[in-house]
């Protein structure tokens, strides 16, 4: 039996982490983002969605 393809979500950073709390900066690094304009494709699971929600004011979900 073939496995269903894993769902992914692509996020892009559009705001700077300057003057933000350290935990939000660490969350961006955990999402593999650290510069404005960078995109990262990650597995779509509850932990990733929680990280995105924590820094929602700095990232956007990209529809491809």
N, C-alpha and C. Protein backbone atom coordinates (compact mmCIF):
# COMPACT_ATOMS: atom_id res chain seq x y z
N UNK A 1 0.83 -1.17 0.00
CA UNK A 1 0.00 0.00 0.00
C UNK A 1 0.88 1.25 0.00
N UNK A 2 0.48 2.20 -0.78
CA UNK A 2 1.23 3.45 -0.86
C UNK A 2 0.78 4.39 0.26
N UNK A 3 1.76 5.07 0.83
CA UNK A 3 1.45 6.05 1.86
C UNK A 3 0.95 7.33 1.22
N UNK A 4 0.05 8.01 1.90
CA UNK A 4 -0.41 9.31 1.42
C UNK A 4 0.74 10.31 1.60
N UNK A 5 0.90 11.24 0.68
CA UNK A 5 1.99 12.21 0.84
C UNK A 5 1.78 13.06 2.09
N UNK A 6 2.88 13.33 2.77
CA UNK A 6 2.81 14.12 4.00
C UNK A 6 2.41 15.56 3.67
N UNK A 7 1.53 16.11 4.47
CA UNK A 7 1.10 17.49 4.24
C UNK A 7 2.18 18.43 4.75
N UNK A 8 2.37 19.50 4.00
CA UNK A 8 3.36 20.49 4.38
C UNK A 8 2.74 21.87 4.35
N UNK A 9 3.40 22.79 5.02
CA UNK A 9 2.99 24.19 5.03
C UNK A 9 4.25 25.02 4.77
N UNK A 10 4.11 26.03 3.91
CA UNK A 10 5.23 26.91 3.61
C UNK A 10 4.98 28.26 4.27
N UNK A 11 5.96 28.72 5.04
CA UNK A 11 5.85 30.00 5.72
C UNK A 11 6.96 30.93 5.24
N UNK A 12 6.65 32.22 5.25
CA UNK A 12 7.62 33.24 4.83
C UNK A 12 7.69 34.30 5.92
N UNK A 13 8.90 34.71 6.25
CA UNK A 13 9.08 35.77 7.24
C UNK A 13 8.99 37.11 6.53
N UNK A 14 8.17 38.02 7.06
CA UNK A 14 8.05 39.34 6.45
C UNK A 14 8.33 40.48 7.43
N UNK A 15 8.63 40.18 8.67
CA UNK A 15 8.92 41.22 9.66
C UNK A 15 10.18 40.85 10.44
N UNK A 16 10.79 41.85 11.00
CA UNK A 16 12.05 41.68 11.71
C UNK A 16 11.82 41.25 13.16
N UNK A 17 12.73 40.41 13.69
CA UNK A 17 12.64 40.03 15.11
C UNK A 17 13.32 41.03 16.04
N UNK A 18 13.77 42.17 15.51
CA UNK A 18 14.41 43.17 16.35
C UNK A 18 13.38 43.72 17.34
N UNK A 19 13.80 43.88 18.59
CA UNK A 19 12.95 44.36 19.69
C UNK A 19 11.79 43.40 20.00
N UNK A 20 12.00 42.13 19.77
CA UNK A 20 11.02 41.10 20.12
C UNK A 20 11.61 40.24 21.24
N UNK A 21 10.77 39.57 22.01
CA UNK A 21 11.28 38.70 23.07
C UNK A 21 12.14 37.56 22.52
N UNK A 22 13.06 37.09 23.35
CA UNK A 22 13.98 36.03 22.93
C UNK A 22 13.25 34.76 22.53
N UNK A 23 12.13 34.45 23.17
CA UNK A 23 11.43 33.22 22.82
C UNK A 23 10.84 33.30 21.41
N UNK A 24 10.44 34.50 20.98
CA UNK A 24 9.93 34.64 19.61
C UNK A 24 11.07 34.51 18.60
N UNK A 25 12.23 35.05 18.92
CA UNK A 25 13.39 34.88 18.04
C UNK A 25 13.76 33.41 17.92
N UNK A 26 13.72 32.70 19.04
CA UNK A 26 14.04 31.27 19.03
C UNK A 26 13.01 30.48 18.23
N UNK A 27 11.76 30.91 18.28
CA UNK A 27 10.72 30.24 17.50
C UNK A 27 10.97 30.42 16.01
N UNK A 28 11.40 31.60 15.60
CA UNK A 28 11.73 31.82 14.19
C UNK A 28 12.87 30.91 13.75
N UNK A 29 13.86 30.75 14.59
CA UNK A 29 14.97 29.86 14.26
C UNK A 29 14.48 28.42 14.18
N UNK A 30 13.55 28.04 15.07
CA UNK A 30 12.97 26.71 15.04
C UNK A 30 12.16 26.46 13.77
N UNK A 31 11.61 27.54 13.21
CA UNK A 31 10.88 27.43 11.94
C UNK A 31 11.82 27.53 10.73
N UNK A 32 13.13 27.59 10.98
CA UNK A 32 14.15 27.71 9.94
C UNK A 32 14.05 29.04 9.20
N UNK A 33 13.69 30.09 9.95
CA UNK A 33 13.62 31.44 9.40
C UNK A 33 14.52 32.33 10.25
N UNK A 34 15.23 33.25 9.63
CA UNK A 34 15.99 34.21 10.41
C UNK A 34 16.26 35.50 9.65
N UNK A 35 15.77 35.61 8.43
CA UNK A 35 15.92 36.84 7.65
C UNK A 35 14.61 37.12 6.93
N UNK A 36 14.32 38.39 6.74
CA UNK A 36 13.10 38.78 6.04
C UNK A 36 13.15 38.25 4.61
N UNK A 37 12.05 37.65 4.17
CA UNK A 37 11.95 37.12 2.82
C UNK A 37 12.26 35.64 2.71
N UNK A 38 12.79 35.05 3.77
CA UNK A 38 13.10 33.61 3.72
C UNK A 38 11.82 32.80 3.77
N UNK A 39 11.83 31.67 3.07
CA UNK A 39 10.69 30.75 3.10
C UNK A 39 11.17 29.40 3.60
N UNK A 40 10.27 28.71 4.27
CA UNK A 40 10.59 27.40 4.80
C UNK A 40 9.38 26.49 4.64
N UNK A 41 9.60 25.28 4.15
CA UNK A 41 8.54 24.30 4.03
C UNK A 41 8.68 23.30 5.17
N UNK A 42 7.63 23.17 5.96
CA UNK A 42 7.66 22.37 7.18
C UNK A 42 6.49 21.41 7.19
N UNK A 43 6.56 20.33 7.98
CA UNK A 43 5.41 19.43 8.10
C UNK A 43 4.24 20.13 8.77
N UNK A 44 3.05 19.84 8.27
CA UNK A 44 1.85 20.48 8.82
C UNK A 44 1.32 19.62 9.95
N UNK A 45 1.76 19.94 11.19
CA UNK A 45 1.31 19.22 12.37
C UNK A 45 1.01 20.23 13.48
N UNK A 46 0.39 19.80 14.56
CA UNK A 46 0.00 20.74 15.61
C UNK A 46 1.17 21.53 16.21
N UNK A 47 2.34 20.93 16.34
CA UNK A 47 3.46 21.65 16.93
C UNK A 47 3.94 22.77 16.01
N UNK A 48 3.99 22.50 14.71
CA UNK A 48 4.38 23.53 13.76
C UNK A 48 3.35 24.65 13.72
N UNK A 49 2.08 24.29 13.74
CA UNK A 49 1.02 25.30 13.73
C UNK A 49 1.08 26.17 14.99
N UNK A 50 1.44 25.58 16.12
CA UNK A 50 1.58 26.35 17.35
C UNK A 50 2.73 27.34 17.27
N UNK A 51 3.83 26.92 16.66
CA UNK A 51 4.97 27.82 16.49
C UNK A 51 4.60 28.97 15.56
N UNK A 52 3.87 28.67 14.49
CA UNK A 52 3.44 29.71 13.56
C UNK A 52 2.51 30.69 14.27
N UNK A 53 1.62 30.19 15.11
CA UNK A 53 0.69 31.06 15.83
C UNK A 53 1.43 31.98 16.79
N UNK A 54 2.53 31.51 17.36
CA UNK A 54 3.28 32.31 18.32
C UNK A 54 3.94 33.52 17.65
N UNK A 55 4.34 33.38 16.39
CA UNK A 55 5.00 34.48 15.68
C UNK A 55 4.18 34.90 14.46
N UNK A 56 2.87 34.82 14.57
CA UNK A 56 1.98 35.11 13.43
C UNK A 56 2.11 36.55 12.95
N UNK A 57 2.57 37.44 13.82
CA UNK A 57 2.74 38.84 13.44
C UNK A 57 4.02 39.07 12.63
N UNK A 58 4.85 38.03 12.46
CA UNK A 58 6.09 38.16 11.70
C UNK A 58 6.16 37.23 10.49
N UNK A 59 5.25 36.26 10.39
CA UNK A 59 5.29 35.31 9.29
C UNK A 59 3.93 35.23 8.62
N UNK A 60 3.93 34.74 7.39
CA UNK A 60 2.68 34.48 6.69
C UNK A 60 2.78 33.11 6.05
N UNK A 61 1.64 32.47 5.88
CA UNK A 61 1.58 31.17 5.20
C UNK A 61 1.46 31.45 3.71
N UNK A 62 2.31 30.80 2.94
CA UNK A 62 2.36 31.00 1.49
C UNK A 62 1.56 29.89 0.82
N UNK A 63 0.63 30.29 -0.03
CA UNK A 63 -0.14 29.33 -0.81
C UNK A 63 0.59 29.12 -2.13
N UNK A 64 0.92 27.87 -2.43
CA UNK A 64 1.63 27.59 -3.68
C UNK A 64 0.83 26.68 -4.56
